């Protein structure tokens, strides 16, 4: 079986392969990893970006941040292949958190989106709600699987973290990852 990650930057490939050994069982076609200085999205400067159709991830992050950013970006591929049933189940978990008025998140990409949500967007499953759910899923994955014990962006209360860990154990770890 060919390696899951390939890159002309052998250090980047080596680090990605090492981190991927911490993940639940996974399978998928190879993903190209690249370093691109000055990376931006439609909002501002970013640490990385996933290009799902191209099966490519571009990075502009520090070595220290790489494990968390790498897992986050990799889980965009998992979200894409998770299927509606699993995504809707995760959405239900997030709705339950919102009903308890839980603040915080497990990464900035989800936290700023959560702060901008309206009740109408949540109720109607609007674009901003769906983007928040995806980013929350990826940030939670990074919290769980990157090997980082603590980070200033991990602000979600412990009770919510416990429920998310249980969800991932049942829905992701027990079934494996399609990347």
Protein backbone atom coordinates (compact mmCIF):
# COMPACT_ATOMS: atom_id res chain seq x y z
CA UNK A 1 0.00 0.00 0.00
CA UNK A 2 1.47 3.42 -0.97
CA UNK A 3 2.11 5.98 1.79
CA UNK A 4 -0.91 8.10 2.65
CA UNK A 5 1.15 11.32 2.63
CA UNK A 6 3.58 12.49 0.02
CA UNK A 7 5.62 15.64 -0.29
CA UNK A 8 8.80 16.97 -1.81
CA UNK A 9 9.49 18.22 1.75
CA UNK A 10 10.62 14.98 3.40
CA UNK A 11 10.54 16.47 6.90
CA UNK A 12 6.89 17.46 6.43
CA UNK A 13 6.06 13.96 5.17
CA UNK A 14 7.95 12.29 8.04
CA UNK A 15 6.18 14.38 10.69
CA UNK A 16 2.76 13.73 9.12
CA UNK A 17 3.37 9.98 9.02
CA UNK A 18 4.47 9.98 12.69
CA UNK A 19 1.35 11.87 13.78
CA UNK A 20 -0.91 9.65 11.68
CA UNK A 21 0.23 6.64 13.75
CA UNK A 22 -1.64 8.23 16.71
CA UNK A 23 -4.93 8.24 14.77
CA UNK A 24 -7.65 5.61 14.78
CA UNK A 25 -7.41 3.07 11.94
CA UNK A 26 -7.60 4.92 8.64
CA UNK A 27 -7.53 4.42 4.91
CA UNK A 28 -7.58 6.59 1.83
CA UNK A 29 -5.81 7.73 -1.29
CA UNK A 30 -2.55 9.70 -0.93
CA UNK A 31 -2.62 13.36 0.07
CA UNK A 32 -0.01 15.84 -1.12
CA UNK A 33 1.50 18.01 1.64
CA UNK A 34 3.04 21.40 0.78
CA UNK A 35 4.57 24.39 2.54
CA UNK A 36 3.27 27.67 1.15
CA UNK A 37 4.50 30.84 2.87
CA UNK A 38 1.95 33.64 3.26
CA UNK A 39 -1.08 31.36 3.04
CA UNK A 40 -4.45 33.16 3.19
CA UNK A 41 -8.14 32.33 2.90
CA UNK A 42 -11.08 34.66 2.23
CA UNK A 43 -10.87 35.99 5.81
CA UNK A 44 -7.15 36.46 6.59
CA UNK A 45 -3.80 34.73 7.03
CA UNK A 46 -4.14 31.03 7.90
CA UNK A 47 -1.90 28.25 9.23
CA UNK A 48 -3.06 25.76 6.60
CA UNK A 49 -5.70 24.94 4.05
CA UNK A 50 -7.19 21.71 2.73
CA UNK A 51 -7.99 21.33 -0.95
CA UNK A 52 -10.27 18.32 -0.85
CA UNK A 53 -10.80 17.73 -4.56
CA UNK A 54 -7.05 18.01 -5.20
CA UNK A 55 -6.24 15.79 -2.16
CA UNK A 56 -3.77 18.40 -1.00
CA UNK A 57 -2.98 20.26 2.23
CA UNK A 58 -0.92 23.47 2.26
CA UNK A 59 0.83 24.60 5.46
CA UNK A 60 2.28 27.83 6.78
CA UNK A 61 2.65 27.05 10.48
CA UNK A 62 5.42 26.60 13.00
CA UNK A 63 6.91 23.21 13.82
CA UNK A 64 5.36 23.49 17.29
CA UNK A 65 1.85 24.07 15.89
CA UNK A 66 2.16 21.48 13.12
CA UNK A 67 0.64 18.45 14.95
CA UNK A 68 -2.57 20.31 15.87
CA UNK A 69 -2.89 22.02 12.49
CA UNK A 70 -2.11 18.83 10.56
CA UNK A 71 -4.78 16.76 12.36
CA UNK A 72 -7.33 19.56 11.96
CA UNK A 73 -6.74 19.76 8.20
CA UNK A 74 -6.68 15.99 7.76
CA UNK A 75 -10.08 15.71 9.42
CA UNK A 76 -11.62 17.94 6.75
CA UNK A 77 -11.17 14.86 4.53
CA UNK A 78 -12.84 12.70 7.19
CA UNK A 79 -15.79 15.13 7.50
CA UNK A 80 -16.28 15.04 3.74
CA UNK A 81 -16.51 11.24 3.78
CA UNK A 82 -18.37 10.86 7.09
CA UNK A 83 -21.80 10.71 5.46
CA UNK A 84 -24.94 12.60 6.41
CA UNK A 85 -25.96 10.30 9.25
CA UNK A 86 -22.67 10.78 11.09
CA UNK A 87 -22.53 14.52 10.37
CA UNK A 88 -26.12 15.00 11.57
CA UNK A 89 -25.29 13.06 14.74
CA UNK A 90 -22.40 15.43 15.42
CA UNK A 91 -24.67 18.40 14.72
CA UNK A 92 -27.11 17.05 17.33
CA UNK A 93 -24.27 16.95 19.86
CA UNK A 94 -23.45 20.60 19.11
CA UNK A 95 -27.11 21.63 19.35
CA UNK A 96 -27.28 20.01 22.80
CA UNK A 97 -24.20 22.03 23.84
CA UNK A 98 -25.80 25.24 22.58
CA UNK A 99 -28.97 24.52 24.57
CA UNK A 100 -26.81 24.45 27.73
CA UNK A 101 -25.23 27.76 26.64
CA UNK A 102 -21.78 26.15 26.70
CA UNK A 103 -19.12 28.66 25.79
CA UNK A 104 -15.72 28.04 24.28
CA UNK A 105 -14.44 25.59 21.70
CA UNK A 106 -11.39 23.47 20.95
CA UNK A 107 -9.88 25.82 18.40
CA UNK A 108 -10.19 29.34 17.11
CA UNK A 109 -11.60 28.31 13.72
CA UNK A 110 -14.70 26.89 15.44
CA UNK A 111 -14.87 29.44 18.24
CA UNK A 112 -15.21 32.56 16.08
CA UNK A 113 -17.82 30.82 13.93
CA UNK A 114 -19.77 29.74 17.01
CA UNK A 115 -19.78 33.31 18.32
CA UNK A 116 -21.34 34.60 15.08
CA UNK A 117 -24.17 32.04 14.85
CA UNK A 118 -27.79 33.10 15.10
CA UNK A 119 -30.62 30.90 16.33
CA UNK A 120 -32.16 31.05 12.86
CA UNK A 121 -28.99 29.72 11.21
CA UNK A 122 -28.86 26.84 13.67
CA UNK A 123 -32.55 26.01 13.26
CA UNK A 124 -32.38 26.17 9.43
CA UNK A 125 -28.99 24.45 9.14
CA UNK A 126 -27.69 27.50 7.28
CA UNK A 127 -24.25 27.74 5.69
CA UNK A 128 -22.63 29.35 8.74
CA UNK A 129 -24.03 26.59 10.99
CA UNK A 130 -22.68 23.87 8.69
CA UNK A 131 -19.28 25.57 8.49
CA UNK A 132 -19.20 25.82 12.28
CA UNK A 133 -20.03 22.11 12.63
CA UNK A 134 -17.22 21.15 10.25
CA UNK A 135 -14.66 23.38 11.98
CA UNK A 136 -15.78 22.14 15.40
CA UNK A 137 -15.37 18.53 14.23
CA UNK A 138 -11.86 19.24 12.93
CA UNK A 139 -10.81 21.22 16.03
CA UNK A 140 -12.13 18.46 18.27
CA UNK A 141 -10.16 15.91 16.25
CA UNK A 142 -7.01 17.99 16.69
CA UNK A 143 -7.61 18.16 20.44
CA UNK A 144 -8.09 14.39 20.61
CA UNK A 145 -5.43 13.09 18.24
CA UNK A 146 -2.59 15.60 17.86
CA UNK A 147 -0.84 14.64 21.08
CA UNK A 148 -1.14 18.22 22.40
CA UNK A 149 -2.29 18.15 26.04
CA UNK A 150 -3.10 21.81 26.42
CA UNK A 151 -3.43 24.90 24.27
CA UNK A 152 -4.85 28.41 24.86
CA UNK A 153 -7.51 27.67 22.20
CA UNK A 154 -8.89 24.70 24.21
CA UNK A 155 -11.63 26.65 26.00
CA UNK A 156 -14.60 24.25 25.86
CA UNK A 157 -15.80 23.15 29.34
CA UNK A 158 -14.70 19.71 30.56
CA UNK A 159 -18.23 18.28 30.53
CA UNK A 160 -18.62 19.08 26.84
CA UNK A 161 -15.16 17.70 26.11
CA UNK A 162 -16.14 14.42 27.76
CA UNK A 163 -19.28 14.12 25.62
CA UNK A 164 -17.33 14.89 22.45
CA UNK A 165 -14.69 12.29 23.35
CA UNK A 166 -17.48 9.72 23.82
CA UNK A 167 -19.02 10.65 20.48
CA UNK A 168 -15.67 10.23 18.71
CA UNK A 169 -15.08 6.88 20.42
CA UNK A 170 -18.45 5.58 19.17
CA UNK A 171 -18.70 7.24 15.76
CA UNK A 172 -15.10 7.57 14.61
CA UNK A 173 -12.76 5.25 16.48
CA UNK A 174 -15.09 2.25 16.46
CA UNK A 175 -15.73 2.58 12.71
CA UNK A 176 -12.36 3.77 11.41
CA UNK A 177 -11.52 6.76 9.26
CA UNK A 178 -12.03 7.19 5.57
CA UNK A 179 -9.65 9.93 4.53
